Amino acid sequence: MAITSTGLNAATNAEYAASAKTKDKSVLDKDDFMTLLLVELQNQDPTEPMDSEKILTQTSQLATLEATENTNKALSDLAASLGNSQQFSTISAIGKTADIGSNAIVFDEGSDTTFEVYFPDDIDRGNVEILDVNGNVIKTLDVGTNPKGVYQFTWDGTDANGNQVKSGIYYATASYKNPNGDDLTTRVGAYPIESVKFEGNETYFKVGSNYVSLADVKEIY
């Protein structure tokens, strides 16, 4: 969620912070170097002109300074270019599966828990299993007969006997058969990548109905 600030705070207002910056006078750039050299030449004693070797040395230093600045700028531009290239290379991940490395769901007493499961094959029949932290199946939800895709499920927090469970972390997996009768499994946390979104230096994948940061993705296949 974006936060809009109307105060002129340099910590939160980039435009104000930029305008408030002043040039660091403790470091000389190539223009300062050239100015000093010209002033030195203009004010030299005509009877004792500056040693030509000294002029050549200073000119060489100026050339070295300028070359260093140009190199630094080129490296900075290259780093920015590589960053953009790396971002846009993630577009090739569209259509693949992103695994966030966990099938955990969180239940809070007094509210239902909604989660999504991706079925990579058509579903003839099957169930979603809710497991406790010990791996015990405490509730099953019917999947029905559906084409492959991402489906949303809602769990009211009751176990197989209708008893309310405690708030905490649970896990969701699914066992199902495709129309060929093959036994298949899937789980929460692995979804097809539908699109890629860029915000600043961050990359986000659209998986199911949510966006997740590239940093949170453990595997792409």
C-alpha atoms as a PDB file:
ATOM      1  CA  MET A   1       0.000   0.000   0.000  1.00  0.00           C
ATOM      2  CA  ALA A   2       1.436   3.354  -1.006  1.00  0.00           C
ATOM      3  CA  ILE A   3       1.668   6.074   1.649  1.00  0.00           C
ATOM      4  CA  THR A   4       1.395   9.677   0.529  1.00  0.00           C
ATOM      5  CA  SER A   5       3.089  12.350   2.603  1.00  0.00           C
ATOM      6  CA  THR A   6       2.485  16.092   2.270  1.00  0.00           C
ATOM      7  CA  GLY A   7       5.182  17.119   4.765  1.00  0.00           C
ATOM      8  CA  LEU A   8       8.569  18.317   3.507  1.00  0.00           C
ATOM      9  CA  ASN A   9      10.505  15.596   5.237  1.00  0.00           C
ATOM     10  CA  ALA A  10      13.811  14.739   3.555  1.00  0.00           C
ATOM     11  CA  ALA A  11      13.549  11.175   4.795  1.00  0.00           C
ATOM     12  CA  THR A  12      10.257  10.529   2.998  1.00  0.00           C
ATOM     13  CA  ASN A  13      10.134  13.102   0.218  1.00  0.00           C
ATOM     14  CA  ALA A  14      12.748  12.290  -2.439  1.00  0.00           C
ATOM     15  CA  GLU A  15      12.245  15.544  -4.373  1.00  0.00           C
ATOM     16  CA  TYR A  16      12.759  17.644  -1.255  1.00  0.00           C
ATOM     17  CA  ALA A  17      15.787  15.590  -0.246  1.00  0.00           C
ATOM     18  CA  ALA A  18      17.361  16.070  -3.683  1.00  0.00           C
ATOM     19  CA  SER A  19      16.862  19.842  -3.627  1.00  0.00           C
ATOM     20  CA  ALA A  20      18.356  20.055  -0.154  1.00  0.00           C
ATOM     21  CA  LYS A  21      21.623  18.434  -1.182  1.00  0.00           C
ATOM     22  CA  THR A  22      24.694  20.667  -1.482  1.00  0.00           C
ATOM     23  CA  LYS A  23      27.921  20.006  -3.336  1.00  0.00           C
ATOM     24  CA  ASP A  24      30.645  18.385  -1.260  1.00  0.00           C
ATOM     25  CA  LYS A  25      33.453  20.942  -1.294  1.00  0.00           C
ATOM     26  CA  SER A  26      35.883  18.601   0.444  1.00  0.00           C
ATOM     27  CA  VAL A  27      36.450  16.688  -2.798  1.00  0.00           C
ATOM     28  CA  LEU A  28      37.805  18.306  -5.975  1.00  0.00           C
ATOM     29  CA  ASP A  29      36.431  17.234  -9.330  1.00  0.00           C
ATOM     30  CA  LYS A  30      38.062  17.696 -12.740  1.00  0.00           C
ATOM     31  CA  ASP A  31      36.509  21.169 -13.216  1.00  0.00           C
ATOM     32  CA  ASP A  32      37.948  22.350  -9.899  1.00  0.00           C
ATOM     33  CA  PHE A  33      41.312  20.912 -10.872  1.00  0.00           C
ATOM     34  CA  MET A  34      41.317  22.760 -14.214  1.00  0.00           C
ATOM     35  CA  THR A  35      40.257  26.032 -12.557  1.00  0.00           C
ATOM     36  CA  LEU A  36      43.135  25.815 -10.094  1.00  0.00           C
ATOM     37  CA  LEU A  37      45.628  25.086 -12.879  1.00  0.00           C
ATOM     38  CA  LEU A  38      44.442  28.084 -14.944  1.00  0.00           C
ATOM     39  CA  VAL A  39      44.587  30.393 -11.924  1.00  0.00           C
ATOM     40  CA  GLU A  40      48.080  29.157 -11.186  1.00  0.00           C
ATOM     41  CA  LEU A  41      49.183  29.888 -14.777  1.00  0.00           C
ATOM     42  CA  GLN A  42      47.548  33.335 -14.797  1.00  0.00           C
ATOM     43  CA  ASN A  43      49.254  34.354 -11.563  1.00  0.00           C
ATOM     44  CA  GLN A  44      52.700  32.929 -12.171  1.00  0.00           C
ATOM     45  CA  ASP A  45      55.743  35.164 -11.907  1.00  0.00           C
ATOM     46  CA  PRO A  46      56.733  36.161 -15.501  1.00  0.00           C
ATOM     47  CA  THR A  47      60.381  36.193 -14.462  1.00  0.00           C
ATOM     48  CA  GLU A  48      60.096  32.677 -13.057  1.00  0.00           C
ATOM     49  CA  PRO A  49      57.514  30.869 -15.175  1.00  0.00           C
ATOM     50  CA  MET A  50      56.124  27.564 -14.000  1.00  0.00           C
ATOM     51  CA  ASP A  51      58.261  24.570 -14.760  1.00  0.00           C
ATOM     52  CA  SER A  52      56.949  22.876 -17.924  1.00  0.00           C
ATOM     53  CA  GLU A  53      57.506  19.474 -16.341  1.00  0.00           C
ATOM     54  CA  LYS A  54      55.245  20.502 -13.483  1.00  0.00           C
ATOM     55  CA  ILE A  55      52.550  21.618 -15.952  1.00  0.00           C
ATOM     56  CA  LEU A  56      52.795  18.286 -17.767  1.00  0.00           C
ATOM     57  CA  THR A  57      52.535  16.437 -14.453  1.00  0.00           C
ATOM     58  CA  GLN A  58      49.421  18.361 -13.441  1.00  0.00           C
ATOM     59  CA  THR A  59      47.894  17.918 -16.896  1.00  0.00           C
ATOM     60  CA  SER A  60      48.561  14.205 -16.639  1.00  0.00           C
ATOM     61  CA  GLN A  61      46.888  14.145 -13.218  1.00  0.00           C
ATOM     62  CA  LEU A  62      43.886  15.935 -14.716  1.00  0.00           C
ATOM     63  CA  ALA A  63      43.647  13.393 -17.520  1.00  0.00           C
ATOM     64  CA  THR A  64      43.884  10.550 -14.995  1.00  0.00           C
ATOM     65  CA  LEU A  65      41.146  12.135 -12.855  1.00  0.00           C
ATOM     66  CA  GLU A  66      38.846  12.521 -15.847  1.00  0.00           C
ATOM     67  CA  ALA A  67      39.505   8.947 -16.987  1.00  0.00           C
ATOM     68  CA  THR A  68      38.673   7.685 -13.495  1.00  0.00           C
ATOM     69  CA  GLU A  69      35.408   9.630 -13.433  1.00  0.00           C
ATOM     70  CA  ASN A  70      34.482   8.313 -16.879  1.00  0.00           C
ATOM     71  CA  THR A  71      35.292   4.755 -15.772  1.00  0.00           C
ATOM     72  CA  ASN A  72      33.191   5.115 -12.639  1.00  0.00           C
ATOM     73  CA  LYS A  73      30.267   6.453 -14.679  1.00  0.00           C
ATOM     74  CA  ALA A  74      30.607   3.624 -17.194  1.00  0.00           C
ATOM     75  CA  LEU A  75      30.628   1.023 -14.390  1.00  0.00           C
ATOM     76  CA  SER A  76      27.596   2.668 -12.799  1.00  0.00           C
ATOM     77  CA  ASP A  77      25.720   2.637 -16.116  1.00  0.00           C
ATOM     78  CA  LEU A  78      26.722  -1.000 -16.663  1.00  0.00           C
ATOM     79  CA  ALA A  79      25.473  -2.003 -13.212  1.00  0.00           C
ATOM     80  CA  ALA A  80      22.132  -0.285 -13.875  1.00  0.00           C
ATOM     81  CA  SER A  81      21.876  -1.954 -17.273  1.00  0.00           C
ATOM     82  CA  LEU A  82      22.633  -5.390 -15.815  1.00  0.00           C
ATOM     83  CA  GLY A  83      20.036  -4.803 -13.101  1.00  0.00           C
ATOM     84  CA  ASN A  84      17.368  -3.968 -15.685  1.00  0.00           C
ATOM     85  CA  SER A  85      18.429  -6.920 -17.833  1.00  0.00           C
ATOM     86  CA  GLN A  86      18.132  -9.266 -14.857  1.00  0.00           C
ATOM     87  CA  GLN A  87      14.676  -7.919 -14.054  1.00  0.00           C
ATOM     88  CA  PHE A  88      13.336  -8.381 -17.558  1.00  0.00           C
ATOM     89  CA  SER A  89      14.905 -11.833 -17.881  1.00  0.00           C
ATOM     90  CA  THR A  90      12.392 -12.980 -15.261  1.00  0.00           C
ATOM     91  CA  ILE A  91       9.641 -12.500 -17.860  1.00  0.00           C
ATOM     92  CA  SER A  92      10.718 -15.859 -19.294  1.00  0.00           C
ATOM     93  CA  ALA A  93       9.429 -17.446 -16.065  1.00  0.00           C
ATOM     94  CA  ILE A  94       5.800 -16.761 -17.062  1.00  0.00           C
ATOM     95  CA  GLY A  95       4.044 -20.088 -17.508  1.00  0.00           C
ATOM     96  CA  LYS A  96       6.430 -21.938 -15.223  1.00  0.00           C
ATOM     97  CA  THR A  97       5.694 -22.938 -11.622  1.00  0.00           C
ATOM     98  CA  ALA A  98       6.874 -20.903  -8.646  1.00  0.00           C
ATOM     99  CA  ASP A  99       7.355 -22.754  -5.379  1.00  0.00           C
ATOM    100  CA  ILE A 100       7.474 -20.615  -2.238  1.00  0.00           C
ATOM    101  CA  GLY A 101       8.740 -23.580  -0.233  1.00  0.00           C
ATOM    102  CA  SER A 102       5.909 -23.961   2.284  1.00  0.00           C
ATOM    103  CA  ASN A 103       2.366 -25.320   2.347  1.00  0.00           C
ATOM    104  CA  ALA A 104       1.509 -23.650   5.646  1.00  0.00           C
ATOM    105  CA  ILE A 105      -1.797 -21.889   6.268  1.00  0.00           C
ATOM    106  CA  VAL A 106      -2.672 -19.792   9.298  1.00  0.00           C
ATOM    107  CA  PHE A 107      -5.904 -20.212  11.220  1.00  0.00           C
ATOM    108  CA  ASP A 108      -7.264 -17.608  13.654  1.00  0.00           C
ATOM    109  CA  GLU A 109     -10.168 -18.596  15.890  1.00  0.00           C
ATOM    110  CA  GLY A 110     -13.323 -16.709  15.031  1.00  0.00           C
ATOM    111  CA  SER A 111     -12.639 -16.425  11.303  1.00  0.00           C
ATOM    112  CA  ASP A 112     -12.450 -18.761   8.330  1.00  0.00           C
ATOM    113  CA  THR A 113      -9.176 -19.452   6.555  1.00  0.00           C
ATOM    114  CA  THR A 114      -9.046 -19.144   2.773  1.00  0.00           C
ATOM    115  CA  PHE A 115      -6.242 -20.608   0.702  1.00  0.00           C
ATOM    116  CA  GLU A 116      -5.508 -21.662  -2.882  1.00  0.00           C
ATOM    117  CA  VAL A 117      -4.280 -24.922  -4.367  1.00  0.00           C
ATOM    118  CA  TYR A 118      -2.988 -25.456  -7.899  1.00  0.00           C
ATOM    119  CA  PHE A 119      -3.968 -28.684  -9.672  1.00  0.00           C
ATOM    120  CA  PRO A 120      -1.680 -29.227 -12.694  1.00  0.00           C
ATOM    121  CA  ASP A 121      -3.954 -31.982 -14.061  1.00  0.00           C
ATOM    122  CA  ASP A 122      -7.701 -32.255 -14.646  1.00  0.00           C
ATOM    123  CA  ILE A 123      -9.479 -33.450 -11.513  1.00  0.00           C
ATOM    124  CA  ASP A 124     -11.753 -36.473 -11.630  1.00  0.00           C
ATOM    125  CA  ARG A 125     -12.109 -36.648  -7.849  1.00  0.00           C
ATOM    126  CA  GLY A 126     -10.052 -35.952  -4.757  1.00  0.00           C
ATOM    127  CA  ASN A 127      -9.665 -34.182  -1.438  1.00  0.00           C
ATOM    128  CA  VAL A 128      -7.703 -31.395   0.183  1.00  0.00           C
ATOM    129  CA  GLU A 129      -6.244 -32.499   3.504  1.00  0.00           C
ATOM    130  CA  ILE A 130      -5.698 -30.135   6.428  1.00  0.00           C
ATOM    131  CA  LEU A 131      -2.825 -31.336   8.619  1.00  0.00           C
ATOM    132  CA  ASP A 132      -1.664 -30.312  12.072  1.00  0.00           C
ATOM    133  CA  VAL A 133       1.978 -29.619  12.959  1.00  0.00           C
ATOM    134  CA  ASN A 134       2.512 -33.340  13.586  1.00  0.00           C
ATOM    135  CA  GLY A 135       1.373 -34.270  10.080  1.00  0.00           C
ATOM    136  CA  ASN A 136      -1.963 -35.743  11.185  1.00  0.00           C
ATOM    137  CA  VAL A 137      -4.925 -35.198   8.849  1.00  0.00           C
ATOM    138  CA  ILE A 138      -7.583 -33.410  10.878  1.00  0.00           C
ATOM    139  CA  LYS A 139      -9.996 -32.419   8.101  1.00  0.00           C
ATOM    140  CA  THR A 140     -10.665 -33.159   4.420  1.00  0.00           C
ATOM    141  CA  LEU A 141     -12.373 -30.903   1.881  1.00  0.00           C
ATOM    142  CA  ASP A 142     -13.923 -32.310  -1.287  1.00  0.00           C
ATOM    143  CA  VAL A 143     -12.278 -31.124  -4.505  1.00  0.00           C
ATOM    144  CA  GLY A 144     -15.026 -32.205  -6.883  1.00  0.00           C
ATOM    145  CA  THR A 145     -14.591 -32.745 -10.616  1.00  0.00           C
ATOM    146  CA  ASN A 146     -12.899 -29.808 -12.301  1.00  0.00           C
ATOM    147  CA  PRO A 147     -10.396 -28.912 -15.025  1.00  0.00           C
ATOM    148  CA  LYS A 148      -6.822 -28.214 -14.009  1.00  0.00           C
ATOM    149  CA  GLY A 149      -6.158 -24.814 -12.490  1.00  0.00           C
ATOM    150  CA  VAL A 150      -5.936 -22.842  -9.253  1.00  0.00           C
ATOM    151  CA  TYR A 151      -8.875 -23.297  -6.864  1.00  0.00           C
ATOM    152  CA  GLN A 152      -9.757 -21.477  -3.681  1.00  0.00           C
ATOM    153  CA  PHE A 153     -10.858 -23.331  -0.555  1.00  0.00           C
ATOM    154  CA  THR A 154     -12.293 -22.114   2.726  1.00  0.00           C
ATOM    155  CA  TRP A 155     -11.763 -23.906   6.035  1.00  0.00           C
ATOM    156  CA  ASP A 156     -13.902 -22.997   9.031  1.00  0.00           C
ATOM    157  CA  GLY A 157     -11.373 -24.275  11.556  1.00  0.00           C
ATOM    158  CA  THR A 158     -13.212 -27.434  12.560  1.00  0.00           C
ATOM    159  CA  ASP A 159     -11.766 -30.937  12.569  1.00  0.00           C
ATOM    160  CA  ALA A 160     -13.349 -34.088  11.157  1.00  0.00           C
ATOM    161  CA  ASN A 161     -15.560 -34.381  14.267  1.00  0.00           C
ATOM    162  CA  GLY A 162     -16.787 -30.809  14.048  1.00  0.00           C
ATOM    163  CA  ASN A 163     -14.659 -29.584  16.951  1.00  0.00           C
ATOM    164  CA  GLN A 164     -13.085 -26.143  16.751  1.00  0.00           C
ATOM    165  CA  VAL A 165      -9.298 -26.268  16.556  1.00  0.00           C
ATOM    166  CA  LYS A 166      -6.971 -23.757  18.155  1.00  0.00           C
ATOM    167  CA  SER A 167      -5.407 -20.820  16.381  1.00  0.00           C
ATOM    168  CA  GLY A 168      -2.068 -21.642  14.824  1.00  0.00           C
ATOM    169  CA  ILE A 169      -0.213 -22.895  11.779  1.00  0.00           C
ATOM    170  CA  TYR A 170      -1.600 -25.818   9.793  1.00  0.00           C
ATOM    171  CA  TYR A 171      -0.720 -27.354   6.444  1.00  0.00           C
ATOM    172  CA  ALA A 172      -2.696 -28.117   3.296  1.00  0.00           C
ATOM    173  CA  THR A 173      -2.063 -30.833   0.707  1.00  0.00           C
ATOM    174  CA  ALA A 174      -4.282 -32.489  -1.897  1.00  0.00           C
ATOM    175  CA  SER A 175      -4.658 -36.028  -3.215  1.00  0.00           C
ATOM    176  CA  TYR A 176      -6.624 -36.547  -6.413  1.00  0.00           C
ATOM    177  CA  LYS A 177      -7.106 -38.629  -9.517  1.00  0.00           C
ATOM    178  CA  ASN A 178      -7.071 -37.366 -13.070  1.00  0.00           C
ATOM    179  CA  PRO A 179      -9.500 -38.703 -15.708  1.00  0.00           C
ATOM    180  CA  ASN A 180      -6.985 -41.468 -16.549  1.00  0.00           C
ATOM    181  CA  GLY A 181      -7.177 -42.740 -12.979  1.00  0.00           C
ATOM    182  CA  ASP A 182      -3.640 -41.687 -12.061  1.00  0.00           C
ATOM    183  CA  ASP A 183      -3.029 -40.914  -8.380  1.00  0.00           C
ATOM    184  CA  LEU A 184      -1.626 -37.389  -8.050  1.00  0.00           C
ATOM    185  CA  THR A 185      -0.742 -34.986  -5.269  1.00  0.00           C
ATOM    186  CA  THR A 186      -0.265 -31.254  -4.952  1.00  0.00           C
ATOM    187  CA  ARG A 187      -0.136 -28.705  -2.165  1.00  0.00           C
ATOM    188  CA  VAL A 188      -0.428 -25.107  -1.119  1.00  0.00           C
ATOM    189  CA  GLY A 189       2.616 -23.028  -2.088  1.00  0.00           C
ATOM    190  CA  ALA A 190       3.250 -24.071  -5.700  1.00  0.00           C
ATOM    191  CA  TYR A 191       1.492 -22.082  -8.429  1.00  0.00           C
ATOM    192  CA  PRO A 192       1.885 -21.217 -12.123  1.00  0.00           C
ATOM    193  CA  ILE A 193       3.413 -17.790 -12.776  1.00  0.00           C
ATOM    194  CA  GLU A 194       0.787 -15.740 -14.616  1.00  0.00           C
ATOM    195  CA  SER A 195       2.610 -12.428 -14.920  1.00  0.00           C
ATOM    196  CA  VAL A 196       5.592 -10.404 -13.685  1.00  0.00           C
ATOM    197  CA  LYS A 197       5.394  -6.958 -12.067  1.00  0.00           C
ATOM    198  CA  PHE A 198       8.253  -4.520 -11.450  1.00  0.00           C
ATOM    199  CA  GLU A 199       8.174  -1.943  -8.653  1.00  0.00           C
ATOM    200  CA  GLY A 200      11.421  -0.043  -8.280  1.00  0.00           C
ATOM    201  CA  ASN A 201      14.144  -2.648  -7.875  1.00  0.00           C
ATOM    202  CA  GLU A 202      11.692  -5.327  -6.745  1.00  0.00           C
ATOM    203  CA  THR A 203      10.250  -8.077  -8.941  1.00  0.00           C
ATOM    204  CA  TYR A 204       6.921  -9.722  -8.160  1.00  0.00           C
ATOM    205  CA  PHE A 205       5.254 -12.812  -9.608  1.00  0.00           C
ATOM    206  CA  LYS A 206       1.484 -13.148  -9.879  1.00  0.00           C
ATOM    207  CA  VAL A 207       0.651 -16.614  -8.560  1.00  0.00           C
ATOM    208  CA  GLY A 208      -2.984 -17.498  -8.034  1.00  0.00           C
ATOM    209  CA  SER A 209      -4.755 -14.345  -6.900  1.00  0.00           C
ATOM    210  CA  ASN A 210      -1.696 -12.866  -5.163  1.00  0.00           C
ATOM    211  CA  TYR A 211       1.667 -11.315  -5.952  1.00  0.00           C
ATOM    212  CA  VAL A 212       4.782 -12.679  -4.256  1.00  0.00           C
ATOM    213  CA  SER A 213       8.260 -11.198  -4.241  1.00  0.00           C
ATOM    214  CA  LEU A 214      10.933 -12.963  -6.262  1.00  0.00           C
ATOM    215  CA  ALA A 215      12.946 -13.095  -3.032  1.00  0.00           C
ATOM    216  CA  ASP A 216      10.252 -15.326  -1.482  1.00  0.00           C
ATOM    217  CA  VAL A 217      10.339 -17.861  -4.310  1.00  0.00           C
ATOM    218  CA  LYS A 218      12.451 -20.903  -3.479  1.00  0.00           C
ATOM    219  CA  GLU A 219      12.285 -22.679  -6.831  1.00  0.00           C
ATOM    220  CA  ILE A 220      11.030 -22.145 -10.376  1.00  0.00           C
ATOM    221  CA  TYR A 221      10.398 -25.156 -12.623  1.00  0.00           C
END
